């Protein structure tokens, strides 16, 4: 946690405020996928719940892709 705080330029208490290492990882993944810093987990957002209820696997994938932020693939 100290290394994360140092790399991030914040106090270690700030990192520990997120909770466990697992909670910190989940928050990072959630924020990356959602594209914002809302406290509402992606799985609890109405748009994502609707995507999961879309029916077929193809419909779910398409609906999820439509709501997730796009990445800039030109930098690869």
N, C-alpha and C. Protein backbone atom coordinates (compact mmCIF):
# COMPACT_ATOMS: atom_id res chain seq x y z
N UNK A 1 0.83 -1.18 0.00
CA UNK A 1 0.00 0.00 0.00
C UNK A 1 0.88 1.26 0.00
N UNK A 2 2.02 1.17 0.69
CA UNK A 2 2.94 2.30 0.70
C UNK A 2 3.45 2.59 -0.71
N UNK A 3 3.77 1.56 -1.46
CA UNK A 3 4.26 1.75 -2.83
C UNK A 3 3.18 2.39 -3.71
N UNK A 4 1.95 1.98 -3.53
CA UNK A 4 0.84 2.56 -4.30
C UNK A 4 0.70 4.04 -3.96
N UNK A 5 0.76 4.35 -2.67
CA UNK A 5 0.65 5.75 -2.24
C UNK A 5 1.80 6.59 -2.80
N UNK A 6 3.01 6.06 -2.72
CA UNK A 6 4.18 6.80 -3.22
C UNK A 6 4.06 7.06 -4.71
N UNK A 7 3.69 6.02 -5.46
CA UNK A 7 3.57 6.15 -6.92
C UNK A 7 2.45 7.12 -7.30
N UNK A 8 1.41 7.16 -6.47
CA UNK A 8 0.25 8.03 -6.74
C UNK A 8 0.43 9.45 -6.23
N UNK A 9 1.43 9.64 -5.37
CA UNK A 9 1.66 10.97 -4.82
C UNK A 9 0.67 11.36 -3.74
N UNK A 10 0.16 10.36 -3.02
CA UNK A 10 -0.80 10.63 -1.95
C UNK A 10 -0.29 9.99 -0.66
N UNK A 11 -0.91 10.37 0.44
CA UNK A 11 -0.56 9.77 1.74
C UNK A 11 -1.06 8.33 1.79
N UNK A 12 -0.35 7.49 2.48
CA UNK A 12 -0.75 6.08 2.59
C UNK A 12 -2.13 5.95 3.23
N UNK A 13 -2.50 6.89 4.10
CA UNK A 13 -3.83 6.87 4.71
C UNK A 13 -4.92 7.01 3.65
N UNK A 14 -4.62 7.76 2.60
CA UNK A 14 -5.58 7.93 1.51
C UNK A 14 -5.83 6.60 0.81
N UNK A 15 -4.78 5.84 0.62
CA UNK A 15 -4.91 4.53 -0.02
C UNK A 15 -5.68 3.58 0.89
N UNK A 16 -5.32 3.56 2.17
CA UNK A 16 -6.02 2.68 3.12
C UNK A 16 -7.48 3.06 3.28
N UNK A 17 -7.85 4.29 3.00
CA UNK A 17 -9.25 4.72 3.12
C UNK A 17 -10.14 3.97 2.14
N UNK A 18 -9.55 3.46 1.06
CA UNK A 18 -10.32 2.68 0.08
C UNK A 18 -10.71 1.32 0.66
N UNK A 19 -9.94 0.83 1.61
CA UNK A 19 -10.21 -0.48 2.20
C UNK A 19 -9.06 -1.43 1.95
N UNK A 20 -9.38 -2.67 1.76
CA UNK A 20 -8.37 -3.71 1.53
C UNK A 20 -7.74 -3.57 0.15
N UNK A 21 -6.70 -4.36 -0.08
CA UNK A 21 -6.07 -4.36 -1.40
C UNK A 21 -7.06 -4.83 -2.46
N UNK A 22 -7.89 -5.81 -2.10
CA UNK A 22 -8.90 -6.29 -3.04
C UNK A 22 -9.91 -5.20 -3.36
N UNK A 23 -10.33 -4.44 -2.35
CA UNK A 23 -11.28 -3.35 -2.58
C UNK A 23 -10.67 -2.27 -3.45
N UNK A 24 -9.39 -2.00 -3.23
CA UNK A 24 -8.69 -1.01 -4.05
C UNK A 24 -8.62 -1.46 -5.50
N UNK A 25 -8.30 -2.73 -5.72
CA UNK A 25 -8.24 -3.26 -7.08
C UNK A 25 -9.60 -3.19 -7.76
N UNK A 26 -10.64 -3.60 -7.05
CA UNK A 26 -11.99 -3.56 -7.63
C UNK A 26 -12.41 -2.13 -7.96
N UNK A 27 -12.06 -1.18 -7.11
CA UNK A 27 -12.38 0.22 -7.39
C UNK A 27 -11.65 0.71 -8.64
N UNK A 28 -10.40 0.31 -8.79
CA UNK A 28 -9.62 0.70 -9.97
C UNK A 28 -10.23 0.12 -11.24
N UNK A 29 -10.57 -1.15 -11.20
CA UNK A 29 -11.18 -1.81 -12.36
C UNK A 29 -12.52 -1.16 -12.68
N UNK A 30 -13.34 -0.94 -11.66
CA UNK A 30 -14.65 -0.34 -11.87
C UNK A 30 -14.54 1.05 -12.48
N UNK A 31 -13.64 1.85 -11.96
CA UNK A 31 -13.47 3.22 -12.49
C UNK A 31 -12.92 3.20 -13.91
N UNK A 32 -12.05 2.25 -14.18
CA UNK A 32 -11.50 2.14 -15.54
C UNK A 32 -12.59 1.75 -16.53
N UNK A 33 -13.40 0.77 -16.17
CA UNK A 33 -14.47 0.33 -17.06
C UNK A 33 -15.57 1.36 -17.21
N UNK A 34 -15.91 2.02 -16.11
CA UNK A 34 -17.00 3.01 -16.15
C UNK A 34 -16.57 4.31 -16.80
N UNK A 35 -15.30 4.64 -16.68
CA UNK A 35 -14.81 5.87 -17.28
C UNK A 35 -15.07 7.11 -16.44
N UNK A 36 -15.44 6.93 -15.17
CA UNK A 36 -15.65 8.08 -14.29
C UNK A 36 -15.29 7.67 -12.87
N UNK A 37 -15.47 8.58 -11.93
CA UNK A 37 -15.10 8.28 -10.55
C UNK A 37 -16.33 8.24 -9.64
N UNK A 38 -17.47 7.88 -10.20
CA UNK A 38 -18.69 7.75 -9.40
C UNK A 38 -18.53 6.64 -8.37
N UNK A 39 -19.14 6.82 -7.22
CA UNK A 39 -19.11 5.78 -6.19
C UNK A 39 -20.06 4.63 -6.48
N UNK A 40 -20.93 4.80 -7.47
CA UNK A 40 -21.88 3.74 -7.82
C UNK A 40 -21.16 2.68 -8.66
N UNK A 41 -21.07 1.45 -8.14
CA UNK A 41 -20.39 0.39 -8.90
C UNK A 41 -21.05 0.17 -10.26
N UNK A 42 -20.27 -0.20 -11.22
CA UNK A 42 -20.76 -0.41 -12.58
C UNK A 42 -21.93 -1.40 -12.60
N UNK A 43 -21.84 -2.46 -11.85
CA UNK A 43 -22.88 -3.48 -11.84
C UNK A 43 -24.21 -2.95 -11.32
N UNK A 44 -24.19 -1.87 -10.55
CA UNK A 44 -25.42 -1.30 -10.00
C UNK A 44 -25.99 -0.16 -10.85
N UNK A 45 -25.33 0.20 -11.91
CA UNK A 45 -25.82 1.28 -12.77
C UNK A 45 -26.93 0.75 -13.67
N UNK A 46 -28.01 1.51 -13.81
CA UNK A 46 -29.14 1.03 -14.62
C UNK A 46 -28.74 0.66 -16.05
N UNK A 47 -27.89 1.43 -16.67
CA UNK A 47 -27.51 1.13 -18.06
C UNK A 47 -26.78 -0.21 -18.16
N UNK A 48 -25.95 -0.53 -17.17
CA UNK A 48 -25.23 -1.80 -17.19
C UNK A 48 -26.17 -2.95 -16.86
N UNK A 49 -27.07 -2.75 -15.90
CA UNK A 49 -28.05 -3.78 -15.56
C UNK A 49 -28.93 -4.09 -16.78
N UNK A 50 -29.32 -3.05 -17.52
CA UNK A 50 -30.11 -3.26 -18.74
C UNK A 50 -29.32 -4.03 -19.79
N UNK A 51 -28.03 -3.74 -19.88
CA UNK A 51 -27.18 -4.46 -20.83
C UNK A 51 -27.13 -5.94 -20.48
N UNK A 52 -27.00 -6.25 -19.18
CA UNK A 52 -26.95 -7.65 -18.76
C UNK A 52 -28.27 -8.38 -19.01
N UNK A 53 -29.34 -7.64 -19.04
CA UNK A 53 -30.66 -8.24 -19.26
C UNK A 53 -31.04 -8.28 -20.75
N UNK A 54 -30.12 -7.97 -21.62
CA UNK A 54 -30.41 -7.84 -23.05
C UNK A 54 -30.82 -9.14 -23.73
N UNK A 55 -30.55 -10.27 -23.12
CA UNK A 55 -30.98 -11.53 -23.72
C UNK A 55 -29.82 -12.41 -24.12
N UNK A 56 -29.57 -12.48 -25.40
CA UNK A 56 -28.50 -13.35 -25.90
C UNK A 56 -27.13 -12.80 -25.56
N UNK A 57 -26.15 -13.67 -25.65
CA UNK A 57 -24.77 -13.25 -25.37
C UNK A 57 -24.34 -12.13 -26.31
N UNK A 58 -24.72 -12.21 -27.56
CA UNK A 58 -24.36 -11.17 -28.52
C UNK A 58 -25.03 -9.84 -28.16
N UNK A 59 -26.28 -9.89 -27.73
CA UNK A 59 -26.99 -8.67 -27.35
C UNK A 59 -26.37 -8.06 -26.10
N UNK A 60 -26.00 -8.91 -25.13
CA UNK A 60 -25.37 -8.41 -23.90
C UNK A 60 -24.04 -7.76 -24.23
N UNK A 61 -23.24 -8.42 -25.05
CA UNK A 61 -21.93 -7.87 -25.43
C UNK A 61 -22.08 -6.55 -26.16
N UNK A 62 -23.02 -6.48 -27.08
CA UNK A 62 -23.25 -5.24 -27.82
C UNK A 62 -23.73 -4.11 -26.93
N UNK A 63 -24.65 -4.42 -26.03
CA UNK A 63 -25.17 -3.40 -25.12
C UNK A 63 -24.09 -2.92 -24.16
N UNK A 64 -23.29 -3.83 -23.64
CA UNK A 64 -22.21 -3.45 -22.72
C UNK A 64 -21.17 -2.61 -23.45
N UNK A 65 -20.82 -3.00 -24.65
CA UNK A 65 -19.84 -2.24 -25.42
C UNK A 65 -20.32 -0.83 -25.72
N UNK A 66 -21.61 -0.68 -25.89
CA UNK A 66 -22.17 0.64 -26.20
C UNK A 66 -22.09 1.60 -25.01
N UNK A 67 -22.10 1.07 -23.78
CA UNK A 67 -22.09 1.97 -22.62
C UNK A 67 -20.71 2.16 -22.01
N UNK A 68 -19.77 1.26 -22.32
CA UNK A 68 -18.43 1.40 -21.77
C UNK A 68 -17.65 2.44 -22.57
N UNK A 69 -16.78 3.19 -21.89
CA UNK A 69 -16.00 4.20 -22.62
C UNK A 69 -15.08 3.54 -23.64
N UNK A 70 -14.91 4.20 -24.75
CA UNK A 70 -14.00 3.66 -25.77
C UNK A 70 -12.58 4.00 -25.38
N UNK A 71 -11.66 3.18 -25.82
CA UNK A 71 -10.25 3.44 -25.55
C UNK A 71 -9.59 3.94 -26.82
N UNK A 72 -8.54 4.66 -26.66
CA UNK A 72 -7.79 5.18 -27.80
C UNK A 72 -6.80 4.11 -28.24
N UNK A 73 -7.17 3.37 -29.25
CA UNK A 73 -6.32 2.28 -29.72
C UNK A 73 -5.21 2.77 -30.64
N UNK A 74 -5.22 4.04 -30.98
CA UNK A 74 -4.21 4.56 -31.90
C UNK A 74 -2.84 4.65 -31.25
N UNK A 75 -2.79 4.61 -29.91
CA UNK A 75 -1.52 4.73 -29.22
C UNK A 75 -0.80 3.40 -29.08
N UNK A 76 -1.41 2.32 -29.55
CA UNK A 76 -0.78 0.99 -29.43
C UNK A 76 0.16 0.71 -30.55
